[in-house]
Amino acid sequence: MSTPPTHRAAPPRRLPAGAAALAGVLLLIPCVALALVPTYSRETPRLWGWPFFYWYQVMWVLLTPLLTYTAYRVIRRARGDR
């Protein structure tokens, strides 16, 4: 019985420090924005009748994937992936 050939994956390329830092900041923004509850724990200003507390959180539900995708693209570009 023969053993299957082993394939060694190439080690990942080192990222430039600037790209890694930028991606980290992009991922950290929503975490910090939502962790600081006292900054958005209020009712005004209202948007279409929604208290600020609710629409602020919904806004971050929409913004977080955009920031995550942007961080992903920054890393891909820094690695030279196409």
N, C-alpha and C. Protein backbone atom coordinates (compact mmCIF):
# COMPACT_ATOMS: atom_id res chain seq x y z
N MET A 1 0.85 -1.17 0.00
CA MET A 1 0.00 0.00 0.00
C MET A 1 0.90 1.24 0.00
N SER A 2 0.64 2.13 -0.94
CA SER A 2 1.47 3.32 -1.04
C SER A 2 0.84 4.48 -0.26
N THR A 3 1.71 5.35 0.20
CA THR A 3 1.21 6.51 0.94
C THR A 3 0.93 7.64 -0.05
N PRO A 4 -0.12 8.39 0.21
CA PRO A 4 -0.44 9.49 -0.71
C PRO A 4 0.64 10.57 -0.63
N PRO A 5 0.87 11.23 -1.73
CA PRO A 5 1.89 12.29 -1.72
C PRO A 5 1.43 13.43 -0.81
N THR A 6 2.38 14.00 -0.13
CA THR A 6 2.06 15.14 0.73
C THR A 6 2.35 16.42 -0.04
N HIS A 7 1.42 17.32 0.06
CA HIS A 7 1.57 18.61 -0.60
C HIS A 7 1.84 19.66 0.47
N ARG A 8 2.91 20.36 0.29
CA ARG A 8 3.23 21.42 1.24
C ARG A 8 2.72 22.74 0.68
N ALA A 9 1.93 23.39 1.48
CA ALA A 9 1.44 24.70 1.08
C ALA A 9 2.54 25.73 1.31
N ALA A 10 2.58 26.68 0.43
CA ALA A 10 3.56 27.75 0.59
C ALA A 10 3.19 28.56 1.83
N PRO A 11 4.17 28.97 2.60
CA PRO A 11 3.85 29.79 3.77
C PRO A 11 3.23 31.11 3.32
N PRO A 12 2.32 31.63 4.11
CA PRO A 12 1.71 32.90 3.71
C PRO A 12 2.75 34.02 3.68
N ARG A 13 2.55 34.92 2.75
CA ARG A 13 3.47 36.05 2.63
C ARG A 13 3.30 36.98 3.82
N ARG A 14 4.40 37.59 4.23
CA ARG A 14 4.32 38.57 5.31
C ARG A 14 3.63 39.82 4.78
N LEU A 15 2.74 40.33 5.59
CA LEU A 15 2.02 41.53 5.21
C LEU A 15 2.82 42.76 5.59
N PRO A 16 2.75 43.78 4.78
CA PRO A 16 3.35 45.05 5.20
C PRO A 16 2.64 45.53 6.47
N ALA A 17 3.39 46.12 7.37
CA ALA A 17 2.82 46.55 8.66
C ALA A 17 1.66 47.52 8.46
N GLY A 18 1.74 48.38 7.48
CA GLY A 18 0.67 49.34 7.24
C GLY A 18 -0.64 48.69 6.86
N ALA A 19 -0.56 47.65 6.02
CA ALA A 19 -1.79 46.95 5.59
C ALA A 19 -2.42 46.21 6.75
N ALA A 20 -1.60 45.56 7.55
CA ALA A 20 -2.13 44.83 8.70
C ALA A 20 -2.74 45.79 9.72
N ALA A 21 -2.10 46.93 9.92
CA ALA A 21 -2.62 47.92 10.87
C ALA A 21 -3.94 48.50 10.35
N LEU A 22 -4.00 48.80 9.07
CA LEU A 22 -5.22 49.36 8.50
C LEU A 22 -6.37 48.36 8.62
N ALA A 23 -6.11 47.10 8.30
CA ALA A 23 -7.15 46.08 8.41
C ALA A 23 -7.60 45.92 9.86
N GLY A 24 -6.66 45.97 10.78
CA GLY A 24 -7.01 45.88 12.20
C GLY A 24 -7.87 47.03 12.66
N VAL A 25 -7.55 48.23 12.21
CA VAL A 25 -8.34 49.41 12.59
C VAL A 25 -9.75 49.30 12.00
N LEU A 26 -9.84 48.87 10.75
CA LEU A 26 -11.16 48.71 10.12
C LEU A 26 -12.03 47.71 10.87
N LEU A 27 -11.42 46.65 11.39
CA LEU A 27 -12.18 45.65 12.14
C LEU A 27 -12.49 46.11 13.55
N LEU A 28 -11.68 46.99 14.07
CA LEU A 28 -11.86 47.47 15.44
C LEU A 28 -12.91 48.58 15.55
N ILE A 29 -13.12 49.32 14.49
CA ILE A 29 -14.05 50.45 14.53
C ILE A 29 -15.44 50.04 15.02
N PRO A 30 -16.10 49.03 14.42
CA PRO A 30 -17.44 48.69 14.91
C PRO A 30 -17.43 48.15 16.34
N CYS A 31 -16.39 47.45 16.71
CA CYS A 31 -16.32 46.92 18.08
C CYS A 31 -16.30 48.06 19.09
N VAL A 32 -15.48 49.06 18.83
CA VAL A 32 -15.39 50.20 19.75
C VAL A 32 -16.67 51.02 19.72
N ALA A 33 -17.20 51.25 18.52
CA ALA A 33 -18.41 52.07 18.39
C ALA A 33 -19.58 51.46 19.15
N LEU A 34 -19.70 50.14 19.14
CA LEU A 34 -20.82 49.49 19.82
C LEU A 34 -20.51 49.19 21.28
N ALA A 35 -19.27 49.18 21.66
CA ALA A 35 -18.92 48.92 23.07
C ALA A 35 -19.12 50.16 23.94
N LEU A 36 -19.12 51.33 23.33
CA LEU A 36 -19.28 52.58 24.08
C LEU A 36 -20.77 52.93 24.19
N VAL A 37 -21.50 52.09 24.90
CA VAL A 37 -22.96 52.24 25.02
C VAL A 37 -23.39 53.61 25.52
N PRO A 38 -22.72 54.22 26.50
CA PRO A 38 -23.19 55.54 26.96
C PRO A 38 -23.23 56.60 25.85
N THR A 39 -22.47 56.43 24.79
CA THR A 39 -22.47 57.44 23.72
C THR A 39 -23.74 57.37 22.86
N TYR A 40 -24.45 56.24 22.86
CA TYR A 40 -25.65 56.13 22.05
C TYR A 40 -26.88 55.67 22.84
N SER A 41 -26.80 55.67 24.12
CA SER A 41 -27.93 55.26 24.96
C SER A 41 -28.83 56.46 25.24
N ARG A 42 -29.55 56.86 24.19
CA ARG A 42 -30.49 57.98 24.32
C ARG A 42 -31.57 57.85 23.25
N GLU A 43 -32.58 58.67 23.35
CA GLU A 43 -33.70 58.57 22.41
C GLU A 43 -33.60 59.55 21.25
N THR A 44 -32.93 60.65 21.45
CA THR A 44 -32.87 61.64 20.37
C THR A 44 -31.47 61.66 19.78
N PRO A 45 -31.28 61.95 18.54
CA PRO A 45 -32.29 62.34 17.55
C PRO A 45 -33.02 61.11 17.01
N ARG A 46 -34.27 61.31 16.68
CA ARG A 46 -35.08 60.22 16.11
C ARG A 46 -34.93 60.22 14.59
N LEU A 47 -35.02 59.05 14.00
CA LEU A 47 -34.96 58.91 12.55
C LEU A 47 -36.17 58.09 12.14
N TRP A 48 -37.08 58.70 11.42
CA TRP A 48 -38.34 58.07 11.01
C TRP A 48 -39.09 57.48 12.20
N GLY A 49 -39.03 58.16 13.32
CA GLY A 49 -39.72 57.72 14.52
C GLY A 49 -38.94 56.74 15.38
N TRP A 50 -37.78 56.30 14.91
CA TRP A 50 -36.96 55.36 15.68
C TRP A 50 -36.07 56.13 16.63
N PRO A 51 -36.02 55.71 17.90
CA PRO A 51 -35.07 56.34 18.82
C PRO A 51 -33.63 56.10 18.35
N PHE A 52 -32.78 57.04 18.69
CA PHE A 52 -31.37 56.96 18.30
C PHE A 52 -30.75 55.62 18.67
N PHE A 53 -31.04 55.10 19.85
CA PHE A 53 -30.46 53.85 20.32
C PHE A 53 -30.64 52.73 19.30
N TYR A 54 -31.82 52.65 18.70
CA TYR A 54 -32.11 51.56 17.76
C TYR A 54 -31.51 51.80 16.38
N TRP A 55 -31.70 53.02 15.84
CA TRP A 55 -31.20 53.19 14.48
C TRP A 55 -29.68 53.24 14.42
N TYR A 56 -29.04 53.63 15.52
CA TYR A 56 -27.58 53.60 15.57
C TYR A 56 -27.07 52.16 15.45
N GLN A 57 -27.72 51.25 16.16
CA GLN A 57 -27.31 49.85 16.09
C GLN A 57 -27.59 49.25 14.71
N VAL A 58 -28.73 49.58 14.12
CA VAL A 58 -29.05 49.09 12.77
C VAL A 58 -28.04 49.63 11.77
N MET A 59 -27.64 50.88 11.94
CA MET A 59 -26.63 51.46 11.06
C MET A 59 -25.35 50.63 11.10
N TRP A 60 -24.94 50.19 12.31
CA TRP A 60 -23.71 49.40 12.43
C TRP A 60 -23.89 48.00 11.87
N VAL A 61 -25.11 47.48 11.88
CA VAL A 61 -25.36 46.18 11.25
C VAL A 61 -25.08 46.28 9.75
N LEU A 62 -25.36 47.43 9.17
CA LEU A 62 -25.10 47.64 7.74
C LEU A 62 -23.65 48.03 7.46
N LEU A 63 -23.04 48.80 8.34
CA LEU A 63 -21.66 49.26 8.11
C LEU A 63 -20.60 48.19 8.40
N THR A 64 -20.85 47.33 9.36
CA THR A 64 -19.84 46.35 9.76
C THR A 64 -19.43 45.42 8.61
N PRO A 65 -20.36 44.87 7.83
CA PRO A 65 -19.91 44.05 6.69
C PRO A 65 -19.09 44.85 5.67
N LEU A 66 -19.42 46.11 5.49
CA LEU A 66 -18.63 46.93 4.55
C LEU A 66 -17.21 47.12 5.05
N LEU A 67 -17.06 47.38 6.33
CA LEU A 67 -15.72 47.54 6.90
C LEU A 67 -14.95 46.21 6.88
N THR A 68 -15.65 45.12 7.15
CA THR A 68 -15.02 43.80 7.12
C THR A 68 -14.54 43.47 5.70
N TYR A 69 -15.38 43.74 4.71
CA TYR A 69 -15.00 43.48 3.32
C TYR A 69 -13.82 44.36 2.91
N THR A 70 -13.83 45.61 3.35
CA THR A 70 -12.72 46.51 3.04
C THR A 70 -11.42 46.00 3.65
N ALA A 71 -11.48 45.50 4.89
CA ALA A 71 -10.29 44.93 5.53
C ALA A 71 -9.80 43.70 4.75
N TYR A 72 -10.73 42.89 4.30
CA TYR A 72 -10.40 41.71 3.49
C TYR A 72 -9.68 42.13 2.20
N ARG A 73 -10.21 43.15 1.53
CA ARG A 73 -9.59 43.61 0.28
C ARG A 73 -8.20 44.20 0.53
N VAL A 74 -8.02 44.90 1.64
CA VAL A 74 -6.71 45.45 1.99
C VAL A 74 -5.70 44.32 2.14
N ILE A 75 -6.07 43.27 2.85
CA ILE A 75 -5.17 42.13 3.05
C ILE A 75 -4.88 41.42 1.73
N ARG A 76 -5.92 41.21 0.93
CA ARG A 76 -5.71 40.55 -0.37
C ARG A 76 -4.77 41.36 -1.26
N ARG A 77 -4.95 42.67 -1.28
CA ARG A 77 -4.10 43.52 -2.11
C ARG A 77 -2.66 43.50 -1.59
N ALA A 78 -2.49 43.51 -0.27
CA ALA A 78 -1.15 43.52 0.31
C ALA A 78 -0.42 42.21 0.01
N ARG A 79 -1.16 41.13 -0.05
CA ARG A 79 -0.54 39.83 -0.38
C ARG A 79 -0.28 39.66 -1.86
N GLY A 80 -0.89 40.47 -2.67
CA GLY A 80 -0.72 40.34 -4.11
C GLY A 80 -1.67 39.36 -4.73
N ASP A 81 -2.72 38.96 -3.99
CA ASP A 81 -3.71 38.03 -4.53
C ASP A 81 -4.58 38.76 -5.56
N ARG A 82 -4.99 38.01 -6.53
CA ARG A 82 -5.87 38.60 -7.56
C ARG A 82 -7.22 37.94 -7.51
